[in-house]
C-alpha cells in the first residue's frame, strides 16, 4: 500500500517534470489540471518516473 501511494505521488510529480516541462498551461479551473496530471501520473508513471530521473541526472 505504501508503494502504491509512493508511485502515485512520484507519477504526479514526474508528470510536471516531463510532460509539462517548460510549458504554460491554462485551464478553466484547477481541478481539470490536477485530474489530468493525476491520471497521467497513474497511467504512465512506469515511463515518466525513469524519464524524469534520467532527465535530472543528465541536466546536472
C-alpha atoms as a PDB file:
ATOM      1  CA  UNK A   1       0.000   0.000   0.000  1.00  0.00           C
ATOM      2  CA  UNK A   2       2.859   2.363   0.794  1.00  0.00           C
ATOM      3  CA  UNK A   3       4.468   1.581  -2.566  1.00  0.00           C
ATOM      4  CA  UNK A   4       1.225   2.408  -4.363  1.00  0.00           C
ATOM      5  CA  UNK A   5       0.993   5.781  -2.630  1.00  0.00           C
ATOM      6  CA  UNK A   6       4.639   6.483  -3.416  1.00  0.00           C
ATOM      7  CA  UNK A   7       4.071   5.507  -7.066  1.00  0.00           C
ATOM      8  CA  UNK A   8       1.088   7.873  -7.338  1.00  0.00           C
ATOM      9  CA  UNK A   9       2.989  10.773  -5.761  1.00  0.00           C
ATOM     10  CA  UNK A  10       6.073  10.218  -7.923  1.00  0.00           C
ATOM     11  CA  UNK A  11       3.954   9.831 -11.053  1.00  0.00           C
ATOM     12  CA  UNK A  12       2.164  13.103 -10.336  1.00  0.00           C
ATOM     13  CA  UNK A  13       5.461  14.902  -9.688  1.00  0.00           C
ATOM     14  CA  UNK A  14       7.167  13.426 -12.747  1.00  0.00           C
ATOM     15  CA  UNK A  15       4.271  14.457 -14.978  1.00  0.00           C
ATOM     16  CA  UNK A  16       5.137  18.069 -14.200  1.00  0.00           C
ATOM     17  CA  UNK A  17       8.845  17.498 -14.789  1.00  0.00           C
ATOM     18  CA  UNK A  18       8.452  15.671 -18.122  1.00  0.00           C
ATOM     19  CA  UNK A  19       5.194  16.303 -19.985  1.00  0.00           C
ATOM     20  CA  UNK A  20       4.533  19.834 -18.730  1.00  0.00           C
ATOM     21  CA  UNK A  21       8.162  20.974 -18.533  1.00  0.00           C
ATOM     22  CA  UNK A  22       8.727  24.486 -19.929  1.00  0.00           C
ATOM     23  CA  UNK A  23       5.051  24.902 -20.844  1.00  0.00           C
ATOM     24  CA  UNK A  24       2.415  27.339 -19.731  1.00  0.00           C
ATOM     25  CA  UNK A  25      -0.913  25.595 -19.254  1.00  0.00           C
ATOM     26  CA  UNK A  26      -4.268  27.384 -18.960  1.00  0.00           C
ATOM     27  CA  UNK A  27      -7.386  25.656 -17.649  1.00  0.00           C
ATOM     28  CA  UNK A  28     -10.793  26.908 -16.575  1.00  0.00           C
ATOM     29  CA  UNK A  29     -10.348  25.547 -13.079  1.00  0.00           C
ATOM     30  CA  UNK A  30      -7.614  23.938 -11.051  1.00  0.00           C
ATOM     31  CA  UNK A  31      -9.427  20.595 -10.807  1.00  0.00           C
ATOM     32  CA  UNK A  32      -9.045  19.893 -14.531  1.00  0.00           C
ATOM     33  CA  UNK A  33      -5.286  20.324 -14.451  1.00  0.00           C
ATOM     34  CA  UNK A  34      -4.930  18.360 -11.229  1.00  0.00           C
ATOM     35  CA  UNK A  35      -7.074  15.493 -12.502  1.00  0.00           C
ATOM     36  CA  UNK A  36      -5.250  15.312 -15.831  1.00  0.00           C
ATOM     37  CA  UNK A  37      -1.820  15.256 -14.142  1.00  0.00           C
ATOM     38  CA  UNK A  38      -3.096  12.693 -11.637  1.00  0.00           C
ATOM     39  CA  UNK A  39      -4.379  10.354 -14.378  1.00  0.00           C
ATOM     40  CA  UNK A  40      -1.230  10.738 -16.485  1.00  0.00           C
ATOM     41  CA  UNK A  41       0.857  10.012 -13.404  1.00  0.00           C
ATOM     42  CA  UNK A  42      -1.037   6.817 -12.636  1.00  0.00           C
ATOM     43  CA  UNK A  43      -1.268   5.521 -16.211  1.00  0.00           C
ATOM     44  CA  UNK A  44       2.193   6.488 -17.454  1.00  0.00           C
ATOM     45  CA  UNK A  45       4.166   6.570 -14.208  1.00  0.00           C
ATOM     46  CA  UNK A  46       6.139   3.499 -15.248  1.00  0.00           C
ATOM     47  CA  UNK A  47       7.582   5.599 -18.112  1.00  0.00           C
ATOM     48  CA  UNK A  48       7.601   9.064 -16.545  1.00  0.00           C
ATOM     49  CA  UNK A  49       9.448   8.183 -13.346  1.00  0.00           C
ATOM     50  CA  UNK A  50      12.581   6.763 -15.069  1.00  0.00           C
ATOM     51  CA  UNK A  51      12.382   9.526 -17.706  1.00  0.00           C
ATOM     52  CA  UNK A  52      12.383  12.231 -15.016  1.00  0.00           C
ATOM     53  CA  UNK A  53      15.261  10.568 -13.140  1.00  0.00           C
ATOM     54  CA  UNK A  54      17.359  10.346 -16.311  1.00  0.00           C
ATOM     55  CA  UNK A  55      16.481  13.936 -17.197  1.00  0.00           C
ATOM     56  CA  UNK A  56      17.538  15.096 -13.721  1.00  0.00           C
ATOM     57  CA  UNK A  57      20.856  13.206 -13.893  1.00  0.00           C
ATOM     58  CA  UNK A  58      21.718  14.413 -17.410  1.00  0.00           C
ATOM     59  CA  UNK A  59      20.894  18.084 -16.790  1.00  0.00           C
ATOM     60  CA  UNK A  60      23.028  18.430 -13.670  1.00  0.00           C
END
